[in-house]
Amino acid sequence: MATPLSVQAIVFDLGGVLIQLGDRLIKNEWRTTESSHDIVGDSWLLSKTAQDFERGLITPFDFAEKIIAEMSLNITPTLFIEHFAQWPIGPYPTIFNTLNQLRHRFTLGIFSNTNAIHWPRLLNEMSLAGKVDYYFASHLIHLAKPDPKAFTFVANTMGLEPNTILFLDDNPYNIDSARQVGFIAHQVIGFDSTLRCLHRLGAL
């Protein structure tokens, strides 16, 4: 299948697409109740504290304090932040070769719901700096997925019509929102799935 002729840019999510994440944010030994609830996936999207943090509206320490209180955890904010910082494990194998290959044909971007704790690690320790043309970090633009305004901001900043941008993300809510704005959006789970999608669309 050929890449749609209108596609000029590809925008990637990070966690679960280019970057591998750990399984759980909440350790069992921190719990003071029988609940096995973890604040990932839909729970993360529904948490006002998490969303405020990813929009850059509260500090890392405030985020940690509020999550600890909300989930009745037996952990200090400082230790929680140290653990939370390690949630991104690292890039999936071969992503940099793939990005370099794509960059010859497309404008590339990253749009991540992220935060002041993870972003420096992603850019520096995980070597994402300089690998794409545009970086959209939710805590810096003060907009987060799946808000349609966030996708409109991305398209406007890139100077492109939404229907010329291919967007890849692991979250179905984000895919739905991107499509509503006009993006060509596909859900992928992990980098193998990302590669299959890119090959299927003729981008690779």
C-alpha atoms as a PDB file:
ATOM      1  CA  MET A   1       0.000   0.000   0.000  1.00  0.00           C
ATOM      2  CA  ALA A   2       1.447   3.358  -0.979  1.00  0.00           C
ATOM      3  CA  THR A   3       1.770   6.243   1.443  1.00  0.00           C
ATOM      4  CA  PRO A   4      -1.134   8.678   0.907  1.00  0.00           C
ATOM      5  CA  LEU A   5       0.187  11.342  -1.453  1.00  0.00           C
ATOM      6  CA  SER A   6      -0.936  14.060   0.940  1.00  0.00           C
ATOM      7  CA  VAL A   7       1.297  12.916   3.813  1.00  0.00           C
ATOM      8  CA  GLN A   8       4.088  15.399   4.393  1.00  0.00           C
ATOM      9  CA  ALA A   9       4.873  14.703   8.037  1.00  0.00           C
ATOM     10  CA  ILE A  10       4.848  11.881  10.579  1.00  0.00           C
ATOM     11  CA  VAL A  11       4.300  12.630  14.260  1.00  0.00           C
ATOM     12  CA  PHE A  12       5.044   9.956  16.859  1.00  0.00           C
ATOM     13  CA  ASP A  13       3.926   9.452  20.424  1.00  0.00           C
ATOM     14  CA  LEU A  14       6.794   8.331  22.681  1.00  0.00           C
ATOM     15  CA  GLY A  15       5.742   5.917  25.450  1.00  0.00           C
ATOM     16  CA  GLY A  16       4.656   2.605  23.935  1.00  0.00           C
ATOM     17  CA  VAL A  17       5.615   3.735  20.418  1.00  0.00           C
ATOM     18  CA  LEU A  18       9.283   4.796  20.349  1.00  0.00           C
ATOM     19  CA  ILE A  19      10.077   4.391  24.057  1.00  0.00           C
ATOM     20  CA  GLN A  20       9.498   1.318  26.202  1.00  0.00           C
ATOM     21  CA  LEU A  21       7.807   1.941  29.556  1.00  0.00           C
ATOM     22  CA  GLY A  22       7.863  -0.036  32.776  1.00  0.00           C
ATOM     23  CA  ASP A  23       4.837  -2.085  33.788  1.00  0.00           C
ATOM     24  CA  ARG A  24       3.682  -0.414  37.000  1.00  0.00           C
ATOM     25  CA  LEU A  25       4.125   2.943  38.642  1.00  0.00           C
ATOM     26  CA  ILE A  26       2.858   1.903  42.069  1.00  0.00           C
ATOM     27  CA  LYS A  27       4.798  -0.679  44.057  1.00  0.00           C
ATOM     28  CA  ASN A  28       2.756  -3.106  46.140  1.00  0.00           C
ATOM     29  CA  GLU A  29       4.841  -2.395  49.250  1.00  0.00           C
ATOM     30  CA  TRP A  30       3.709   1.245  49.167  1.00  0.00           C
ATOM     31  CA  ARG A  31       0.048   0.327  49.506  1.00  0.00           C
ATOM     32  CA  THR A  32      -1.881   0.828  52.708  1.00  0.00           C
ATOM     33  CA  THR A  33      -5.084  -0.719  51.305  1.00  0.00           C
ATOM     34  CA  GLU A  34      -5.962  -3.959  49.483  1.00  0.00           C
ATOM     35  CA  SER A  35      -6.497  -2.129  46.199  1.00  0.00           C
ATOM     36  CA  SER A  36      -4.344  -3.240  43.243  1.00  0.00           C
ATOM     37  CA  HIS A  37      -5.182  -0.060  41.360  1.00  0.00           C
ATOM     38  CA  ASP A  38      -2.320   1.462  39.396  1.00  0.00           C
ATOM     39  CA  ILE A  39      -2.315   4.925  37.850  1.00  0.00           C
ATOM     40  CA  VAL A  40      -1.604   4.015  34.232  1.00  0.00           C
ATOM     41  CA  GLY A  41      -3.719   3.800  31.094  1.00  0.00           C
ATOM     42  CA  ASP A  42      -7.255   5.109  31.475  1.00  0.00           C
ATOM     43  CA  SER A  43      -6.686   5.872  35.162  1.00  0.00           C
ATOM     44  CA  TRP A  44      -3.869   8.225  34.196  1.00  0.00           C
ATOM     45  CA  LEU A  45      -6.053  10.008  31.644  1.00  0.00           C
ATOM     46  CA  LEU A  46      -8.826  10.400  34.229  1.00  0.00           C
ATOM     47  CA  SER A  47      -6.557  11.681  37.005  1.00  0.00           C
ATOM     48  CA  LYS A  48      -6.714  15.470  37.340  1.00  0.00           C
ATOM     49  CA  THR A  49      -3.411  15.404  39.199  1.00  0.00           C
ATOM     50  CA  ALA A  50      -1.673  13.518  36.383  1.00  0.00           C
ATOM     51  CA  GLN A  51      -3.220  15.732  33.725  1.00  0.00           C
ATOM     52  CA  ASP A  52      -2.257  18.921  35.581  1.00  0.00           C
ATOM     53  CA  PHE A  53       1.300  17.645  35.860  1.00  0.00           C
ATOM     54  CA  GLU A  54       1.505  16.764  32.179  1.00  0.00           C
ATOM     55  CA  ARG A  55       0.218  20.224  31.280  1.00  0.00           C
ATOM     56  CA  GLY A  56       2.939  21.812  33.372  1.00  0.00           C
ATOM     57  CA  LEU A  57       0.474  23.280  35.856  1.00  0.00           C
ATOM     58  CA  ILE A  58       1.961  21.781  39.033  1.00  0.00           C
ATOM     59  CA  THR A  59       5.498  21.000  40.207  1.00  0.00           C
ATOM     60  CA  PRO A  60       6.950  17.483  40.471  1.00  0.00           C
ATOM     61  CA  PHE A  61       6.792  17.664  44.276  1.00  0.00           C
ATOM     62  CA  ASP A  62       3.129  18.768  44.206  1.00  0.00           C
ATOM     63  CA  PHE A  63       2.377  15.930  41.787  1.00  0.00           C
ATOM     64  CA  ALA A  64       4.006  13.371  44.061  1.00  0.00           C
ATOM     65  CA  GLU A  65       2.257  14.674  47.186  1.00  0.00           C
ATOM     66  CA  LYS A  66      -1.163  14.587  45.529  1.00  0.00           C
ATOM     67  CA  ILE A  67      -0.752  11.107  44.027  1.00  0.00           C
ATOM     68  CA  ILE A  68       0.432   9.766  47.391  1.00  0.00           C
ATOM     69  CA  ALA A  69      -2.597  11.304  49.124  1.00  0.00           C
ATOM     70  CA  GLU A  70      -5.080  10.165  46.466  1.00  0.00           C
ATOM     71  CA  MET A  71      -3.848   6.568  46.562  1.00  0.00           C
ATOM     72  CA  SER A  72      -2.997   6.418  50.296  1.00  0.00           C
ATOM     73  CA  LEU A  73       0.583   5.370  49.627  1.00  0.00           C
ATOM     74  CA  ASN A  74       3.257   4.815  52.253  1.00  0.00           C
ATOM     75  CA  ILE A  75       6.123   6.549  50.445  1.00  0.00           C
ATOM     76  CA  THR A  76       7.763   9.967  50.646  1.00  0.00           C
ATOM     77  CA  PRO A  77       7.369  12.407  47.724  1.00  0.00           C
ATOM     78  CA  THR A  78      11.131  12.376  47.129  1.00  0.00           C
ATOM     79  CA  LEU A  79      11.308   8.584  46.840  1.00  0.00           C
ATOM     80  CA  PHE A  80       8.180   8.519  44.679  1.00  0.00           C
ATOM     81  CA  ILE A  81       9.761  11.020  42.268  1.00  0.00           C
ATOM     82  CA  GLU A  82      12.971   8.941  42.106  1.00  0.00           C
ATOM     83  CA  HIS A  83      10.941   5.855  41.186  1.00  0.00           C
ATOM     84  CA  PHE A  84       8.672   7.718  38.766  1.00  0.00           C
ATOM     85  CA  ALA A  85      11.704   9.136  36.945  1.00  0.00           C
ATOM     86  CA  GLN A  86      12.716   5.610  35.930  1.00  0.00           C
ATOM     87  CA  TRP A  87       9.365   4.639  34.355  1.00  0.00           C
ATOM     88  CA  PRO A  88      10.644   5.191  30.782  1.00  0.00           C
ATOM     89  CA  ILE A  89      13.039   2.298  30.219  1.00  0.00           C
ATOM     90  CA  GLY A  90      14.625   3.371  26.958  1.00  0.00           C
ATOM     91  CA  PRO A  91      14.237   3.486  23.183  1.00  0.00           C
ATOM     92  CA  TYR A  92      13.064   0.409  21.321  1.00  0.00           C
ATOM     93  CA  PRO A  93      15.863  -1.109  19.194  1.00  0.00           C
ATOM     94  CA  THR A  94      16.521   0.437  15.760  1.00  0.00           C
ATOM     95  CA  ILE A  95      14.296   3.500  16.248  1.00  0.00           C
ATOM     96  CA  PHE A  96      17.092   5.903  15.373  1.00  0.00           C
ATOM     97  CA  ASN A  97      17.888   4.143  12.097  1.00  0.00           C
ATOM     98  CA  THR A  98      14.205   4.204  11.243  1.00  0.00           C
ATOM     99  CA  LEU A  99      13.827   7.891  12.080  1.00  0.00           C
ATOM    100  CA  ASN A 100      16.879   8.740  10.002  1.00  0.00           C
ATOM    101  CA  GLN A 101      15.458   6.791   7.072  1.00  0.00           C
ATOM    102  CA  LEU A 102      12.073   8.514   7.339  1.00  0.00           C
ATOM    103  CA  ARG A 103      13.609  11.951   7.680  1.00  0.00           C
ATOM    104  CA  HIS A 104      14.780  11.819   4.060  1.00  0.00           C
ATOM    105  CA  ARG A 105      11.141  11.800   2.917  1.00  0.00           C
ATOM    106  CA  PHE A 106       9.061  13.372   5.685  1.00  0.00           C
ATOM    107  CA  THR A 107       9.084  16.119   8.268  1.00  0.00           C
ATOM    108  CA  LEU A 108       9.160  14.313  11.619  1.00  0.00           C
ATOM    109  CA  GLY A 109       7.720  15.271  14.987  1.00  0.00           C
ATOM    110  CA  ILE A 110       7.227  13.908  18.482  1.00  0.00           C
ATOM    111  CA  PHE A 111       4.091  14.709  20.463  1.00  0.00           C
ATOM    112  CA  SER A 112       4.217  13.300  23.976  1.00  0.00           C
ATOM    113  CA  ASN A 113       2.153  13.685  27.097  1.00  0.00           C
ATOM    114  CA  THR A 114       5.175  14.050  29.335  1.00  0.00           C
ATOM    115  CA  ASN A 115       6.471  16.075  32.249  1.00  0.00           C
ATOM    116  CA  ALA A 116       9.392  17.911  33.795  1.00  0.00           C
ATOM    117  CA  ILE A 117      10.760  14.698  35.322  1.00  0.00           C
ATOM    118  CA  HIS A 118      10.821  12.521  32.207  1.00  0.00           C
ATOM    119  CA  TRP A 119      11.500  15.036  29.436  1.00  0.00           C
ATOM    120  CA  PRO A 120      15.195  15.717  30.225  1.00  0.00           C
ATOM    121  CA  ARG A 121      15.877  11.962  30.378  1.00  0.00           C
ATOM    122  CA  LEU A 122      14.095  11.389  27.073  1.00  0.00           C
ATOM    123  CA  LEU A 123      16.054  14.076  25.258  1.00  0.00           C
ATOM    124  CA  ASN A 124      19.471  13.557  26.797  1.00  0.00           C
ATOM    125  CA  GLU A 125      19.929  10.141  28.389  1.00  0.00           C
ATOM    126  CA  MET A 126      17.819   8.445  25.702  1.00  0.00           C
ATOM    127  CA  SER A 127      19.332  10.564  22.913  1.00  0.00           C
ATOM    128  CA  LEU A 128      16.108  11.830  21.320  1.00  0.00           C
ATOM    129  CA  ALA A 129      17.437  15.382  20.979  1.00  0.00           C
ATOM    130  CA  GLY A 130      18.039  16.305  17.330  1.00  0.00           C
ATOM    131  CA  LYS A 131      16.403  13.163  15.951  1.00  0.00           C
ATOM    132  CA  VAL A 132      13.227  14.849  14.632  1.00  0.00           C
ATOM    133  CA  ASP A 133      12.220  18.280  13.362  1.00  0.00           C
ATOM    134  CA  TYR A 134       9.533  19.188  15.892  1.00  0.00           C
ATOM    135  CA  TYR A 135       9.122  18.394  19.589  1.00  0.00           C
ATOM    136  CA  PHE A 136       5.800  18.859  21.351  1.00  0.00           C
ATOM    137  CA  ALA A 137       6.057  18.146  25.077  1.00  0.00           C
ATOM    138  CA  SER A 138       2.710  18.582  26.829  1.00  0.00           C
ATOM    139  CA  HIS A 139       4.171  20.227  29.927  1.00  0.00           C
ATOM    140  CA  LEU A 140       5.893  22.866  27.780  1.00  0.00           C
ATOM    141  CA  ILE A 141       3.006  23.671  25.413  1.00  0.00           C
ATOM    142  CA  HIS A 142       0.469  23.392  28.281  1.00  0.00           C
ATOM    143  CA  LEU A 143      -1.760  21.199  26.125  1.00  0.00           C
ATOM    144  CA  ALA A 144      -2.148  17.433  26.363  1.00  0.00           C
ATOM    145  CA  LYS A 145      -3.698  14.629  24.372  1.00  0.00           C
ATOM    146  CA  PRO A 146      -6.518  13.809  23.810  1.00  0.00           C
ATOM    147  CA  ASP A 147      -7.586  17.482  23.802  1.00  0.00           C
ATOM    148  CA  PRO A 148      -8.339  18.370  20.151  1.00  0.00           C
ATOM    149  CA  LYS A 149      -6.800  21.803  20.777  1.00  0.00           C
ATOM    150  CA  ALA A 150      -3.467  20.073  21.278  1.00  0.00           C
ATOM    151  CA  PHE A 151      -3.596  18.520  17.820  1.00  0.00           C
ATOM    152  CA  THR A 152      -4.643  21.801  16.244  1.00  0.00           C
ATOM    153  CA  PHE A 153      -1.656  23.439  17.953  1.00  0.00           C
ATOM    154  CA  VAL A 154       0.691  20.784  16.535  1.00  0.00           C
ATOM    155  CA  ALA A 155      -0.592  21.220  12.977  1.00  0.00           C
ATOM    156  CA  ASN A 156      -0.486  25.019  13.179  1.00  0.00           C
ATOM    157  CA  THR A 157       3.040  25.049  14.600  1.00  0.00           C
ATOM    158  CA  MET A 158       4.249  22.734  11.839  1.00  0.00           C
ATOM    159  CA  GLY A 159       2.527  24.931   9.263  1.00  0.00           C
ATOM    160  CA  LEU A 160       0.671  21.965   7.790  1.00  0.00           C
ATOM    161  CA  GLU A 161      -2.926  20.985   7.187  1.00  0.00           C
ATOM    162  CA  PRO A 162      -3.956  18.216   9.607  1.00  0.00           C
ATOM    163  CA  ASN A 163      -4.777  15.864   6.725  1.00  0.00           C
ATOM    164  CA  THR A 164      -1.123  15.943   5.633  1.00  0.00           C
ATOM    165  CA  ILE A 165       0.123  14.600   9.001  1.00  0.00           C
ATOM    166  CA  LEU A 166       0.376  10.903   9.867  1.00  0.00           C
ATOM    167  CA  PHE A 167       0.064  10.422  13.637  1.00  0.00           C
ATOM    168  CA  LEU A 168       1.016   7.211  15.467  1.00  0.00           C
ATOM    169  CA  ASP A 169       0.014   6.620  19.099  1.00  0.00           C
ATOM    170  CA  ASP A 170      -0.777   3.653  21.345  1.00  0.00           C
ATOM    171  CA  ASN A 171      -3.842   5.221  22.975  1.00  0.00           C
ATOM    172  CA  PRO A 172      -7.204   4.883  21.174  1.00  0.00           C
ATOM    173  CA  TYR A 173      -8.566   8.097  22.741  1.00  0.00           C
ATOM    174  CA  ASN A 174      -5.672  10.042  21.255  1.00  0.00           C
ATOM    175  CA  ILE A 175      -6.199   8.424  17.863  1.00  0.00           C
ATOM    176  CA  ASP A 176      -9.893   9.323  17.882  1.00  0.00           C
ATOM    177  CA  SER A 177      -9.162  12.930  18.833  1.00  0.00           C
ATOM    178  CA  ALA A 178      -6.466  13.283  16.167  1.00  0.00           C
ATOM    179  CA  ARG A 179      -8.847  11.950  13.521  1.00  0.00           C
ATOM    180  CA  GLN A 180     -11.530  14.411  14.597  1.00  0.00           C
ATOM    181  CA  VAL A 181      -9.081  17.238  13.890  1.00  0.00           C
ATOM    182  CA  GLY A 182      -8.228  15.715  10.505  1.00  0.00           C
ATOM    183  CA  PHE A 183      -4.970  13.842  11.116  1.00  0.00           C
ATOM    184  CA  ILE A 184      -4.297  10.507   9.422  1.00  0.00           C
ATOM    185  CA  ALA A 185      -4.016   8.574  12.679  1.00  0.00           C
ATOM    186  CA  HIS A 186      -3.227   4.926  13.409  1.00  0.00           C
ATOM    187  CA  GLN A 187      -2.974   3.074  16.702  1.00  0.00           C
ATOM    188  CA  VAL A 188       0.253   1.130  17.226  1.00  0.00           C
ATOM    189  CA  ILE A 189       1.424  -0.863  20.251  1.00  0.00           C
ATOM    190  CA  GLY A 190       5.205  -1.021  20.555  1.00  0.00           C
ATOM    191  CA  PHE A 191       7.850  -0.401  17.921  1.00  0.00           C
ATOM    192  CA  ASP A 192       7.258  -3.645  16.002  1.00  0.00           C
ATOM    193  CA  SER A 193       3.671  -2.538  15.492  1.00  0.00           C
ATOM    194  CA  THR A 194       4.924   0.918  14.499  1.00  0.00           C
ATOM    195  CA  LEU A 195       7.232  -0.579  11.874  1.00  0.00           C
ATOM    196  CA  ARG A 196       4.453  -2.758  10.479  1.00  0.00           C
ATOM    197  CA  CYS A 197       2.195   0.267  10.175  1.00  0.00           C
ATOM    198  CA  LEU A 198       4.870   2.329   8.417  1.00  0.00           C
ATOM    199  CA  HIS A 199       5.576  -0.507   5.980  1.00  0.00           C
ATOM    200  CA  ARG A 200       1.875  -1.078   5.350  1.00  0.00           C
ATOM    201  CA  LEU A 201       1.413   2.599   4.510  1.00  0.00           C
ATOM    202  CA  GLY A 202       4.466   2.618   2.261  1.00  0.00           C
ATOM    203  CA  ALA A 203       6.417   5.081   4.395  1.00  0.00           C
ATOM    204  CA  LEU A 204       9.313   2.600   4.670  1.00  0.00           C
END
